[in-house]
PDB file of N, CA and C in Angstrom:
ATOM      1  N   MET A   1     158.571  49.783 129.419  1.00  0.00           N
ATOM      2  CA  MET A   1     158.966  49.570 130.841  1.00  0.00           C
ATOM      3  C   MET A   1     159.539  48.065 131.501  1.00  0.00           C
ATOM      4  N   ILE A   2     160.569  48.977 132.351  1.00  0.00           N
ATOM      5  CA  ILE A   2     161.026  47.321 132.412  1.00  0.00           C
ATOM      6  C   ILE A   2     160.777  46.748 133.917  1.00  0.00           C
ATOM      7  N   GLN A   3     160.536  45.579 134.458  1.00  0.00           N
ATOM      8  CA  GLN A   3     159.594  45.597 135.257  1.00  0.00           C
ATOM      9  C   GLN A   3     160.572  44.839 136.459  1.00  0.00           C
ATOM     10  N   GLN A   4     160.758  45.208 137.403  1.00  0.00           N
ATOM     11  CA  GLN A   4     161.824  44.873 137.968  1.00  0.00           C
ATOM     12  C   GLN A   4     161.080  43.886 139.528  1.00  0.00           C
ATOM     13  N   GLU A   5     161.851  42.855 139.671  1.00  0.00           N
ATOM     14  CA  GLU A   5     161.087  41.216 140.139  1.00  0.00           C
ATOM     15  C   GLU A   5     161.314  41.958 141.671  1.00  0.00           C
ATOM     16  N   SER A   6     160.482  41.222 142.520  1.00  0.00           N
ATOM     17  CA  SER A   6     160.069  41.750 143.946  1.00  0.00           C
ATOM     18  C   SER A   6     161.370  41.483 144.840  1.00  0.00           C
ATOM     19  N   PRO A   7     161.669  42.096 145.515  1.00  0.00           N
ATOM     20  CA  PRO A   7     162.822  42.356 146.651  1.00  0.00           C
ATOM     21  C   PRO A   7     162.930  40.764 147.390  1.00  0.00           C
ATOM     22  N   TYR A   8     161.993  40.763 147.436  1.00  0.00           N
ATOM     23  CA  TYR A   8     161.102  39.179 148.875  1.00  0.00           C
ATOM     24  C   TYR A   8     161.836  37.947 148.019  1.00  0.00           C
ATOM     25  N   LYS A   9     162.422  38.217 146.528  1.00  0.00           N
ATOM     26  CA  LYS A   9     162.615  36.960 145.854  1.00  0.00           C
ATOM     27  C   LYS A   9     164.213  36.863 145.856  1.00  0.00           C
ATOM     28  N   GLY A  10     165.058  37.759 146.440  1.00  0.00           N
ATOM     29  CA  GLY A  10     166.606  37.509 146.628  1.00  0.00           C
ATOM     30  C   GLY A  10     167.104  36.070 147.105  1.00  0.00           C
ATOM     31  N   LYS A  11     167.009  36.024 147.923  1.00  0.00           N
ATOM     32  CA  LYS A  11     167.423  34.702 148.673  1.00  0.00           C
ATOM     33  C   LYS A  11     167.065  33.397 148.126  1.00  0.00           C
ATOM     34  N   ARG A  12     168.405  32.745 148.185  1.00  0.00           N
ATOM     35  CA  ARG A  12     168.589  31.301 147.564  1.00  0.00           C
ATOM     36  C   ARG A  12     169.051  30.288 148.673  1.00  0.00           C
ATOM     37  N   GLY A  13     168.922  28.816 147.966  1.00  0.00           N
ATOM     38  CA  GLY A  13     169.588  28.244 148.962  1.00  0.00           C
ATOM     39  C   GLY A  13     168.463  27.779 149.714  1.00  0.00           C
ATOM     40  N   PHE A  14     169.506  26.931 151.150  1.00  0.00           N
ATOM     41  CA  PHE A  14     169.199  26.205 152.079  1.00  0.00           C
ATOM     42  C   PHE A  14     168.062  27.507 153.129  1.00  0.00           C
ATOM     43  N   LYS A  15     168.907  29.332 153.049  1.00  0.00           N
ATOM     44  CA  LYS A  15     167.824  30.237 153.683  1.00  0.00           C
ATOM     45  C   LYS A  15     167.295  30.088 152.874  1.00  0.00           C
ATOM     46  N   ARG A  16     166.409  29.956 151.435  1.00  0.00           N
ATOM     47  CA  ARG A  16     165.133  30.162 150.736  1.00  0.00           C
ATOM     48  C   ARG A  16     163.820  29.178 150.774  1.00  0.00           C
ATOM     49  N   ILE A  17     164.035  27.764 151.305  1.00  0.00           N
ATOM     50  CA  ILE A  17     163.987  26.914 151.874  1.00  0.00           C
ATOM     51  C   ILE A  17     163.265  27.094 152.942  1.00  0.00           C
ATOM     52  N   TRP A  18     164.137  27.365 154.014  1.00  0.00           N
ATOM     53  CA  TRP A  18     164.175  27.725 155.660  1.00  0.00           C
ATOM     54  C   TRP A  18     162.691  28.395 155.579  1.00  0.00           C
ATOM     55  N   LYS A  19     162.783  29.661 154.984  1.00  0.00           N
ATOM     56  CA  LYS A  19     162.169  30.638 155.027  1.00  0.00           C
ATOM     57  C   LYS A  19     160.854  29.951 154.464  1.00  0.00           C
ATOM     58  N   ALA A  20     160.649  29.888 153.111  1.00  0.00           N
ATOM     59  CA  ALA A  20     159.347  29.035 152.518  1.00  0.00           C
ATOM     60  C   ALA A  20     158.566  28.392 153.482  1.00  0.00           C
ATOM     61  N   MET A  21     159.404  26.976 154.258  1.00  0.00           N
ATOM     62  CA  MET A  21     158.763  26.675 154.937  1.00  0.00           C
ATOM     63  C   MET A  21     158.311  27.308 156.236  1.00  0.00           C
ATOM     64  N   GLY A  22     158.591  28.211 156.741  1.00  0.00           N
ATOM     65  CA  GLY A  22     158.183  29.224 157.613  1.00  0.00           C
ATOM     66  C   GLY A  22     156.956  29.661 157.182  1.00  0.00           C
ATOM     67  N   TYR A  23     156.760  30.407 156.318  1.00  0.00           N
ATOM     68  CA  TYR A  23     155.490  30.707 155.621  1.00  0.00           C
ATOM     69  C   TYR A  23     154.664  30.057 155.565  1.00  0.00           C
ATOM     70  N   SER A  24     154.967  28.748 155.019  1.00  0.00           N
ATOM     71  CA  SER A  24     153.903  27.719 154.902  1.00  0.00           C
ATOM     72  C   SER A  24     153.503  27.471 155.986  1.00  0.00           C
ATOM     73  N   LEU A  25     154.416  26.935 157.200  1.00  0.00           N
ATOM     74  CA  LEU A  25     153.251  26.642 157.936  1.00  0.00           C
ATOM     75  C   LEU A  25     153.038  27.478 158.973  1.00  0.00           C
ATOM     76  N   THR A  26     153.110  29.497 158.820  1.00  0.00           N
ATOM     77  CA  THR A  26     152.201  29.668 159.224  1.00  0.00           C
ATOM     78  C   THR A  26     150.969  30.226 158.244  1.00  0.00           C
ATOM     79  N   GLY A  27     150.249  29.763 156.860  1.00  0.00           N
ATOM     80  CA  GLY A  27     149.861  29.952 156.349  1.00  0.00           C
ATOM     81  C   GLY A  27     148.829  28.400 157.035  1.00  0.00           C
ATOM     82  N   PHE A  28     149.250  27.282 157.357  1.00  0.00           N
ATOM     83  CA  PHE A  28     148.898  26.503 157.909  1.00  0.00           C
ATOM     84  C   PHE A  28     148.099  26.813 158.520  1.00  0.00           C
ATOM     85  N   VAL A  29     148.859  27.356 159.800  1.00  0.00           N
ATOM     86  CA  VAL A  29     148.074  27.741 161.053  1.00  0.00           C
ATOM     87  C   VAL A  29     147.167  28.996 161.298  1.00  0.00           C
ATOM     88  N   ASP A  30     147.162  29.759 160.362  1.00  0.00           N
ATOM     89  CA  ASP A  30     145.906  30.441 159.776  1.00  0.00           C
ATOM     90  C   ASP A  30     145.119  30.305 159.057  1.00  0.00           C
ATOM     91  N   ALA A  31     145.309  29.321 158.644  1.00  0.00           N
ATOM     92  CA  ALA A  31     144.053  28.272 157.733  1.00  0.00           C
ATOM     93  C   ALA A  31     142.851  28.135 158.722  1.00  0.00           C
ATOM     94  N   TYR A  32     143.686  26.873 159.742  1.00  0.00           N
ATOM     95  CA  TYR A  32     143.102  26.005 160.576  1.00  0.00           C
ATOM     96  C   TYR A  32     142.642  27.034 161.964  1.00  0.00           C
ATOM     97  N   ARG A  33     143.726  27.863 162.195  1.00  0.00           N
ATOM     98  CA  ARG A  33     143.039  29.403 163.160  1.00  0.00           C
ATOM     99  C   ARG A  33     141.437  30.166 162.806  1.00  0.00           C
ATOM    100  N   HIS A  34     141.765  30.218 161.038  1.00  0.00           N
ATOM    101  CA  HIS A  34     140.273  31.437 161.143  1.00  0.00           C
ATOM    102  C   HIS A  34     139.014  30.874 159.880  1.00  0.00           C
ATOM    103  N   GLU A  35     139.862  29.837 159.842  1.00  0.00           N
ATOM    104  CA  GLU A  35     138.576  28.942 158.498  1.00  0.00           C
ATOM    105  C   GLU A  35     137.784  28.067 158.905  1.00  0.00           C
ATOM    106  N   SER A  36     136.566  27.821 159.548  1.00  0.00           N
ATOM    107  CA  SER A  36     135.804  26.711 160.020  1.00  0.00           C
ATOM    108  C   SER A  36     135.953  25.872 158.823  1.00  0.00           C
ATOM    109  N   ALA A  37     135.912  25.969 157.850  1.00  0.00           N
ATOM    110  CA  ALA A  37     135.986  24.671 156.536  1.00  0.00           C
ATOM    111  C   ALA A  37     137.100  24.085 157.013  1.00  0.00           C
ATOM    112  N   PHE A  38     138.338  24.594 156.546  1.00  0.00           N
ATOM    113  CA  PHE A  38     139.707  23.968 156.860  1.00  0.00           C
ATOM    114  C   PHE A  38     140.312  23.273 158.476  1.00  0.00           C
ATOM    115  N   ARG A  39     139.410  23.938 159.321  1.00  0.00           N
ATOM    116  CA  ARG A  39     139.480  22.972 160.653  1.00  0.00           C
ATOM    117  C   ARG A  39     138.681  21.708 160.236  1.00  0.00           C
ATOM    118  N   GLN A  40     137.108  22.147 159.708  1.00  0.00           N
ATOM    119  CA  GLN A  40     136.429  20.525 159.478  1.00  0.00           C
ATOM    120  C   GLN A  40     136.750  19.317 158.677  1.00  0.00           C
ATOM    121  N   GLU A  41     137.767  20.322 157.295  1.00  0.00           N
ATOM    122  CA  GLU A  41     137.784  19.174 156.435  1.00  0.00           C
ATOM    123  C   GLU A  41     139.775  18.516 157.286  1.00  0.00           C
ATOM    124  N   ALA A  42     140.437  19.152 157.943  1.00  0.00           N
ATOM    125  CA  ALA A  42     141.390  18.501 158.625  1.00  0.00           C
ATOM    126  C   ALA A  42     141.251  17.392 159.459  1.00  0.00           C
ATOM    127  N   ALA A  43     139.897  17.932 160.514  1.00  0.00           N
ATOM    128  CA  ALA A  43     139.697  16.637 161.294  1.00  0.00           C
ATOM    129  C   ALA A  43     138.840  15.545 160.778  1.00  0.00           C
ATOM    130  N   LEU A  44     137.857  15.832 159.603  1.00  0.00           N
ATOM    131  CA  LEU A  44     138.065  14.615 158.860  1.00  0.00           C
ATOM    132  C   LEU A  44     138.836  13.633 158.331  1.00  0.00           C
ATOM    133  N   SER A  45     139.793  14.405 157.989  1.00  0.00           N
ATOM    134  CA  SER A  45     141.456  13.574 157.343  1.00  0.00           C
ATOM    135  C   SER A  45     142.007  12.973 158.215  1.00  0.00           C
ATOM    136  N   CYS A  46     142.064  13.544 159.718  1.00  0.00           N
ATOM    137  CA  CYS A  46     142.632  12.719 160.450  1.00  0.00           C
ATOM    138  C   CYS A  46     141.653  11.462 160.759  1.00  0.00           C
ATOM    139  N   VAL A  47     140.712  11.986 160.897  1.00  0.00           N
ATOM    140  CA  VAL A  47     140.381   9.862 161.575  1.00  0.00           C
ATOM    141  C   VAL A  47     139.888   9.136 159.795  1.00  0.00           C
ATOM    142  N   LEU A  48     140.168  10.013 158.706  1.00  0.00           N
ATOM    143  CA  LEU A  48     139.491   9.185 157.554  1.00  0.00           C
ATOM    144  C   LEU A  48     141.470   8.078 156.884  1.00  0.00           C
ATOM    145  N   VAL A  49     142.489   9.194 157.001  1.00  0.00           N
ATOM    146  CA  VAL A  49     143.468   8.914 156.872  1.00  0.00           C
ATOM    147  C   VAL A  49     143.866   7.605 157.226  1.00  0.00           C
ATOM    148  N   PRO A  50     143.654   7.288 158.754  1.00  0.00           N
ATOM    149  CA  PRO A  50     144.065   5.775 159.668  1.00  0.00           C
ATOM    150  C   PRO A  50     142.971   5.173 158.998  1.00  0.00           C
ATOM    151  N   LEU A  51     142.406   5.173 159.324  1.00  0.00           N
ATOM    152  CA  LEU A  51     140.840   4.726 158.393  1.00  0.00           C
ATOM    153  C   LEU A  51     141.136   4.062 157.421  1.00  0.00           C
ATOM    154  N   SER A  52     141.576   4.516 156.489  1.00  0.00           N
ATOM    155  CA  SER A  52     141.890   3.978 154.872  1.00  0.00           C
ATOM    156  C   SER A  52     143.145   3.123 155.034  1.00  0.00           C
ATOM    157  N   LEU A  53     143.877   3.190 155.989  1.00  0.00           N
ATOM    158  CA  LEU A  53     144.999   2.614 156.072  1.00  0.00           C
ATOM    159  C   LEU A  53     144.638   1.399 156.594  1.00  0.00           C
ATOM    160  N   ILE A  54     143.873   0.829 157.425  1.00  0.00           N
ATOM    161  CA  ILE A  54     142.681  -0.609 157.720  1.00  0.00           C
ATOM    162  C   ILE A  54     142.309  -1.097 157.305  1.00  0.00           C
ATOM    163  N   LEU A  55     141.229  -0.717 156.021  1.00  0.00           N
ATOM    164  CA  LEU A  55     140.477  -1.143 155.084  1.00  0.00           C
ATOM    165  C   LEU A  55     141.275  -1.999 154.398  1.00  0.00           C
ATOM    166  N   PRO A  56     140.367  -2.822 153.949  1.00  0.00           N
ATOM    167  CA  PRO A  56     141.337  -3.573 152.857  1.00  0.00           C
ATOM    168  C   PRO A  56     141.723  -2.609 151.480  1.00  0.00           C
ATOM    169  N   ALA A  57     142.647  -2.350 151.075  1.00  0.00           N
ATOM    170  CA  ALA A  57     142.789  -1.726 149.745  1.00  0.00           C
ATOM    171  C   ALA A  57     143.896  -2.244 149.477  1.00  0.00           C
ATOM    172  N   SER A  58     144.179  -2.365 148.214  1.00  0.00           N
ATOM    173  CA  SER A  58     145.564  -2.638 147.856  1.00  0.00           C
ATOM    174  C   SER A  58     146.602  -1.129 147.991  1.00  0.00           C
ATOM    175  N   GLY A  59     147.876  -1.301 147.707  1.00  0.00           N
ATOM    176  CA  GLY A  59     148.772  -0.001 147.936  1.00  0.00           C
ATOM    177  C   GLY A  59     148.046   1.250 147.360  1.00  0.00           C
ATOM    178  N   GLU A  60     148.017   0.778 145.990  1.00  0.00           N
ATOM    179  CA  GLU A  60     147.623   2.149 144.751  1.00  0.00           C
ATOM    180  C   GLU A  60     145.962   2.666 145.531  1.00  0.00           C
ATOM    181  N   GLY A  61     145.496   1.830 146.113  1.00  0.00           N
ATOM    182  CA  GLY A  61     144.074   2.609 147.238  1.00  0.00           C
ATOM    183  C   GLY A  61     144.253   2.921 147.950  1.00  0.00           C
ATOM    184  N   HIS A  62     145.005   2.673 148.597  1.00  0.00           N
ATOM    185  CA  HIS A  62     145.124   3.084 149.999  1.00  0.00           C
ATOM    186  C   HIS A  62     145.643   5.363 149.575  1.00  0.00           C
ATOM    187  N   ALA A  63     146.877   5.021 148.442  1.00  0.00           N
ATOM    188  CA  ALA A  63     147.249   6.130 148.018  1.00  0.00           C
ATOM    189  C   ALA A  63     146.350   6.739 147.506  1.00  0.00           C
ATOM    190  N   LEU A  64     145.785   6.215 146.925  1.00  0.00           N
ATOM    191  CA  LEU A  64     144.551   7.099 146.331  1.00  0.00           C
ATOM    192  C   LEU A  64     143.241   7.494 147.183  1.00  0.00           C
ATOM    193  N   MET A  65     142.872   6.935 148.282  1.00  0.00           N
ATOM    194  CA  MET A  65     141.941   7.623 148.989  1.00  0.00           C
ATOM    195  C   MET A  65     142.832   8.487 150.133  1.00  0.00           C
ATOM    196  N   ILE A  66     144.364   8.338 150.004  1.00  0.00           N
ATOM    197  CA  ILE A  66     144.906   9.551 151.277  1.00  0.00           C
ATOM    198  C   ILE A  66     145.199  10.785 150.461  1.00  0.00           C
ATOM    199  N   GLY A  67     145.425  10.263 148.982  1.00  0.00           N
ATOM    200  CA  GLY A  67     145.489  11.708 147.916  1.00  0.00           C
ATOM    201  C   GLY A  67     144.309  12.237 147.975  1.00  0.00           C
ATOM    202  N   SER A  68     142.995  11.823 147.775  1.00  0.00           N
ATOM    203  CA  SER A  68     141.778  12.602 147.688  1.00  0.00           C
ATOM    204  C   SER A  68     141.548  13.641 148.652  1.00  0.00           C
ATOM    205  N   LEU A  69     142.069  12.898 150.110  1.00  0.00           N
ATOM    206  CA  LEU A  69     141.848  13.730 151.240  1.00  0.00           C
ATOM    207  C   LEU A  69     142.946  14.808 150.791  1.00  0.00           C
ATOM    208  N   LEU A  70     143.891  14.655 150.596  1.00  0.00           N
ATOM    209  CA  LEU A  70     144.984  15.661 150.756  1.00  0.00           C
ATOM    210  C   LEU A  70     144.629  16.772 149.568  1.00  0.00           C
ATOM    211  N   LEU A  71     143.845  16.650 148.534  1.00  0.00           N
ATOM    212  CA  LEU A  71     143.857  17.086 147.696  1.00  0.00           C
ATOM    213  C   LEU A  71     142.618  18.213 148.121  1.00  0.00           C
ATOM    214  N   VAL A  72     141.445  17.717 149.330  1.00  0.00           N
ATOM    215  CA  VAL A  72     140.796  18.506 149.384  1.00  0.00           C
ATOM    216  C   VAL A  72     141.293  19.337 150.316  1.00  0.00           C
ATOM    217  N   LEU A  73     141.933  19.096 151.398  1.00  0.00           N
ATOM    218  CA  LEU A  73     142.738  20.371 151.911  1.00  0.00           C
ATOM    219  C   LEU A  73     143.675  21.060 151.264  1.00  0.00           C
ATOM    220  N   VAL A  74     143.906  20.867 150.017  1.00  0.00           N
ATOM    221  CA  VAL A  74     144.850  22.068 148.801  1.00  0.00           C
ATOM    222  C   VAL A  74     143.882  22.676 148.685  1.00  0.00           C
ATOM    223  N   VAL A  75     142.736  22.337 147.964  1.00  0.00           N
ATOM    224  CA  VAL A  75     142.147  23.242 147.605  1.00  0.00           C
ATOM    225  C   VAL A  75     141.102  24.098 148.172  1.00  0.00           C
ATOM    226  N   GLU A  76     141.077  23.075 149.423  1.00  0.00           N
ATOM    227  CA  GLU A  76     140.733  24.509 150.343  1.00  0.00           C
ATOM    228  C   GLU A  76     141.214  25.699 150.942  1.00  0.00           C
ATOM    229  N   LEU A  77     142.393  25.248 151.109  1.00  0.00           N
ATOM    230  CA  LEU A  77     143.970  26.350 150.954  1.00  0.00           C
ATOM    231  C   LEU A  77     143.697  27.255 150.140  1.00  0.00           C
ATOM    232  N   LEU A  78     143.595  26.757 149.083  1.00  0.00           N
ATOM    233  CA  LEU A  78     143.980  28.076 147.783  1.00  0.00           C
ATOM    234  C   LEU A  78     142.292  28.407 148.160  1.00  0.00           C
ATOM    235  N   ASN A  79     141.263  27.750 147.982  1.00  0.00           N
ATOM    236  CA  ASN A  79     139.969  28.688 148.029  1.00  0.00           C
ATOM    237  C   ASN A  79     139.808  29.832 149.497  1.00  0.00           C
ATOM    238  N   SER A  80     140.667  29.310 150.763  1.00  0.00           N
ATOM    239  CA  SER A  80     140.629  30.645 151.757  1.00  0.00           C
ATOM    240  C   SER A  80     141.521  31.826 150.689  1.00  0.00           C
ATOM    241  N   ALA A  81     142.614  31.292 150.172  1.00  0.00           N
ATOM    242  CA  ALA A  81     143.364  32.259 149.726  1.00  0.00           C
ATOM    243  C   ALA A  81     143.034  33.647 149.109  1.00  0.00           C
ATOM    244  N   VAL A  82     141.811  32.920 148.036  1.00  0.00           N
ATOM    245  CA  VAL A  82     141.157  33.559 147.053  1.00  0.00           C
ATOM    246  C   VAL A  82     140.768  34.615 147.749  1.00  0.00           C
ATOM    247  N   GLU A  83     139.334  34.072 148.880  1.00  0.00           N
ATOM    248  CA  GLU A  83     138.947  34.551 149.762  1.00  0.00           C
ATOM    249  C   GLU A  83     139.224  35.642 150.823  1.00  0.00           C
ATOM    250  N   ALA A  84     140.918  35.364 151.094  1.00  0.00           N
ATOM    251  CA  ALA A  84     141.048  36.719 152.058  1.00  0.00           C
ATOM    252  C   ALA A  84     141.877  37.720 150.608  1.00  0.00           C
ATOM    253  N   ALA A  85     142.177  37.350 149.866  1.00  0.00           N
ATOM    254  CA  ALA A  85     142.431  38.330 149.019  1.00  0.00           C
ATOM    255  C   ALA A  85     141.508  39.365 148.042  1.00  0.00           C
ATOM    256  N   VAL A  86     140.387  38.467 147.862  1.00  0.00           N
ATOM    257  CA  VAL A  86     138.963  39.260 147.321  1.00  0.00           C
ATOM    258  C   VAL A  86     138.292  39.909 148.824  1.00  0.00           C
ATOM    259  N   ASP A  87     139.073  39.558 149.493  1.00  0.00           N
ATOM    260  CA  ASP A  87     138.357  40.598 150.775  1.00  0.00           C
ATOM    261  C   ASP A  87     139.253  41.687 151.528  1.00  0.00           C
ATOM    262  N   ARG A  88     140.427  41.856 150.761  1.00  0.00           N
ATOM    263  CA  ARG A  88     141.931  42.556 151.320  1.00  0.00           C
ATOM    264  C   ARG A  88     141.553  43.942 150.097  1.00  0.00           C
ATOM    265  N   VAL A  89     141.143  43.194 148.884  1.00  0.00           N
ATOM    266  CA  VAL A  89     140.776  44.562 147.905  1.00  0.00           C
ATOM    267  C   VAL A  89     139.532  45.149 148.709  1.00  0.00           C
ATOM    268  N   SER A  90     138.605  44.620 148.260  1.00  0.00           N
ATOM    269  CA  SER A  90     137.159  45.438 149.152  1.00  0.00           C
ATOM    270  C   SER A  90     136.412  44.563 150.203  1.00  0.00           C
ATOM    271  N   LEU A  91     135.682  44.635 150.377  1.00  0.00           N
ATOM    272  CA  LEU A  91     134.695  43.916 151.024  1.00  0.00           C
ATOM    273  C   LEU A  91     133.067  44.228 150.534  1.00  0.00           C
ATOM    274  N   GLU A  92     133.421  44.975 149.929  1.00  0.00           N
ATOM    275  CA  GLU A  92     131.838  45.191 149.355  1.00  0.00           C
ATOM    276  C   GLU A  92     131.089  44.223 148.063  1.00  0.00           C
ATOM    277  N   ASN A  93     129.915  44.316 148.067  1.00  0.00           N
ATOM    278  CA  ASN A  93     129.175  43.708 146.907  1.00  0.00           C
ATOM    279  C   ASN A  93     129.679  43.700 145.447  1.00  0.00           C
ATOM    280  N   HIS A  94     130.297  43.128 144.817  1.00  0.00           N
ATOM    281  CA  HIS A  94     130.379  43.284 143.702  1.00  0.00           C
ATOM    282  C   HIS A  94     130.470  41.791 143.150  1.00  0.00           C
ATOM    283  N   ARG A  95     129.919  41.779 141.816  1.00  0.00           N
ATOM    284  CA  ARG A  95     129.886  40.680 141.018  1.00  0.00           C
ATOM    285  C   ARG A  95     130.969  39.514 140.849  1.00  0.00           C
ATOM    286  N   LEU A  96     132.203  40.480 140.313  1.00  0.00           N
ATOM    287  CA  LEU A  96     133.414  39.895 140.191  1.00  0.00           C
ATOM    288  C   LEU A  96     133.444  39.204 141.807  1.00  0.00           C
ATOM    289  N   ALA A  97     134.187  39.734 142.883  1.00  0.00           N
ATOM    290  CA  ALA A  97     133.979  39.432 144.089  1.00  0.00           C
ATOM    291  C   ALA A  97     133.634  38.179 143.911  1.00  0.00           C
ATOM    292  N   LYS A  98     131.660  37.969 144.043  1.00  0.00           N
ATOM    293  CA  LYS A  98     131.252  36.989 144.130  1.00  0.00           C
ATOM    294  C   LYS A  98     131.419  35.601 143.235  1.00  0.00           C
ATOM    295  N   ARG A  99     132.080  36.154 142.141  1.00  0.00           N
ATOM    296  CA  ARG A  99     132.406  34.890 141.334  1.00  0.00           C
ATOM    297  C   ARG A  99     133.567  34.371 141.852  1.00  0.00           C
ATOM    298  N   ALA A 100     134.470  35.946 141.890  1.00  0.00           N
ATOM    299  CA  ALA A 100     135.854  34.325 142.112  1.00  0.00           C
ATOM    300  C   ALA A 100     135.087  33.825 143.737  1.00  0.00           C
ATOM    301  N   LYS A 101     135.031  33.749 144.217  1.00  0.00           N
ATOM    302  CA  LYS A 101     134.531  33.536 145.946  1.00  0.00           C
ATOM    303  C   LYS A 101     133.549  31.795 145.297  1.00  0.00           C
ATOM    304  N   ASP A 102     132.601  32.575 144.500  1.00  0.00           N
ATOM    305  CA  ASP A 102     131.432  30.930 144.097  1.00  0.00           C
ATOM    306  C   ASP A 102     132.361  29.804 143.463  1.00  0.00           C
ATOM    307  N   ILE A 103     133.513  30.265 142.940  1.00  0.00           N
ATOM    308  CA  ILE A 103     134.261  29.638 141.876  1.00  0.00           C
ATOM    309  C   ILE A 103     135.329  28.986 142.956  1.00  0.00           C
ATOM    310  N   GLY A 104     135.880  29.580 144.087  1.00  0.00           N
ATOM    311  CA  GLY A 104     136.638  28.445 144.712  1.00  0.00           C
ATOM    312  C   GLY A 104     135.570  27.501 145.661  1.00  0.00           C
ATOM    313  N   SER A 105     133.992  28.018 145.932  1.00  0.00           N
ATOM    314  CA  SER A 105     133.662  26.894 146.614  1.00  0.00           C
ATOM    315  C   SER A 105     133.626  25.785 145.434  1.00  0.00           C
ATOM    316  N   ALA A 106     133.339  26.476 144.751  1.00  0.00           N
ATOM    317  CA  ALA A 106     133.038  25.033 143.326  1.00  0.00           C
ATOM    318  C   ALA A 106     134.004  24.067 143.523  1.00  0.00           C
ATOM    319  N   ALA A 107     135.157  24.626 143.151  1.00  0.00           N
ATOM    320  CA  ALA A 107     136.359  24.015 143.603  1.00  0.00           C
ATOM    321  C   ALA A 107     136.481  22.691 144.795  1.00  0.00           C
ATOM    322  N   VAL A 108     136.315  23.273 146.085  1.00  0.00           N
ATOM    323  CA  VAL A 108     135.795  22.306 146.849  1.00  0.00           C
ATOM    324  C   VAL A 108     135.163  21.559 147.126  1.00  0.00           C
ATOM    325  N   LEU A 109     133.838  21.609 146.728  1.00  0.00           N
ATOM    326  CA  LEU A 109     132.869  21.241 145.975  1.00  0.00           C
ATOM    327  C   LEU A 109     133.244  19.449 145.192  1.00  0.00           C
ATOM    328  N   VAL A 110     134.112  20.301 143.779  1.00  0.00           N
ATOM    329  CA  VAL A 110     134.406  19.009 143.175  1.00  0.00           C
ATOM    330  C   VAL A 110     135.354  18.189 144.436  1.00  0.00           C
ATOM    331  N   SER A 111     136.336  18.532 145.018  1.00  0.00           N
ATOM    332  CA  SER A 111     137.416  18.097 145.303  1.00  0.00           C
ATOM    333  C   SER A 111     136.431  17.516 146.182  1.00  0.00           C
ATOM    334  N   LEU A 112     135.764  17.350 146.993  1.00  0.00           N
ATOM    335  CA  LEU A 112     134.847  16.507 148.011  1.00  0.00           C
ATOM    336  C   LEU A 112     133.849  15.324 147.220  1.00  0.00           C
ATOM    337  N   VAL A 113     133.564  15.737 145.834  1.00  0.00           N
ATOM    338  CA  VAL A 113     133.094  14.771 145.411  1.00  0.00           C
ATOM    339  C   VAL A 113     133.810  13.702 144.689  1.00  0.00           C
ATOM    340  N   ASN A 114     135.078  14.678 144.646  1.00  0.00           N
ATOM    341  CA  ASN A 114     136.285  13.386 143.949  1.00  0.00           C
ATOM    342  C   ASN A 114     136.534  12.249 145.528  1.00  0.00           C
ATOM    343  N   ALA A 115     136.429  12.736 146.330  1.00  0.00           N
ATOM    344  CA  ALA A 115     137.259  12.342 147.379  1.00  0.00           C
ATOM    345  C   ALA A 115     136.095  11.280 147.488  1.00  0.00           C
ATOM    346  N   VAL A 116     135.110  11.289 147.665  1.00  0.00           N
ATOM    347  CA  VAL A 116     133.472  10.414 148.272  1.00  0.00           C
ATOM    348  C   VAL A 116     134.110   9.476 146.899  1.00  0.00           C
ATOM    349  N   LEU A 117     134.061   9.747 145.626  1.00  0.00           N
ATOM    350  CA  LEU A 117     133.882   8.730 144.336  1.00  0.00           C
ATOM    351  C   LEU A 117     135.285   7.622 144.756  1.00  0.00           C
ATOM    352  N   VAL A 118     136.530   8.224 144.905  1.00  0.00           N
ATOM    353  CA  VAL A 118     137.431   7.646 144.774  1.00  0.00           C
ATOM    354  C   VAL A 118     137.508   6.512 146.451  1.00  0.00           C
ATOM    355  N   TRP A 119     137.233   7.296 147.060  1.00  0.00           N
ATOM    356  CA  TRP A 119     136.568   5.892 148.404  1.00  0.00           C
ATOM    357  C   TRP A 119     135.884   5.091 148.084  1.00  0.00           C
ATOM    358  N   GLY A 120     134.774   5.212 147.018  1.00  0.00           N
ATOM    359  CA  GLY A 120     134.013   4.597 146.609  1.00  0.00           C
ATOM    360  C   GLY A 120     134.311   3.514 145.802  1.00  0.00           C
ATOM    361  N   LEU A 121     134.654   3.962 145.191  1.00  0.00           N
ATOM    362  CA  LEU A 121     135.361   3.239 144.142  1.00  0.00           C
ATOM    363  C   LEU A 121     136.528   2.196 144.723  1.00  0.00           C
ATOM    364  N   VAL A 122     137.137   2.613 145.276  1.00  0.00           N
ATOM    365  CA  VAL A 122     138.246   1.622 145.983  1.00  0.00           C
ATOM    366  C   VAL A 122     138.001   0.611 146.819  1.00  0.00           C
ATOM    367  N   LEU A 123     136.790   0.894 147.656  1.00  0.00           N
ATOM    368  CA  LEU A 123     136.331  -0.256 148.844  1.00  0.00           C
ATOM    369  C   LEU A 123     135.102  -0.830 147.992  1.00  0.00           C
ATOM    370  N   PHE A 124     134.508  -0.498 147.125  1.00  0.00           N
ATOM    371  CA  PHE A 124     133.435  -1.392 146.568  1.00  0.00           C
ATOM    372  C   PHE A 124     133.644  -1.756 145.089  1.00  0.00           C
ATOM    373  N   PHE A 125     135.002  -1.718 144.308  1.00  0.00           N
ATOM    374  CA  PHE A 125     134.754  -2.376 143.029  1.00  0.00           C
ATOM    375  C   PHE A 125     136.384  -2.845 143.049  1.00  0.00           C
TER     376      PHE A 125
END
């Protein structure tokens, strides 16, 4: 059996880019509105990004510090997407749903540890 592509995949060129940007902004706003962990990490990033630029570090160090913070936000967005998809499928307690959510949470933790290590290495070594 031949699988058809999604009917939503038909847009091309600038129209596709424009629509994709709109979907991305909607996702960003939804994450900010509904996910307290994302709000906290975004607020922390709003403080730490400017701070990283005034701290003594090389250009590469500044890039690493900012990149580590952006990585935390990216991983939190993906974790929130996993949680929303799991909750959409079912709200009942299930070991696989718990595993998916726990693994997403672990990914966020790894990204936070990475940010702390990057900042420490850039600033103290």
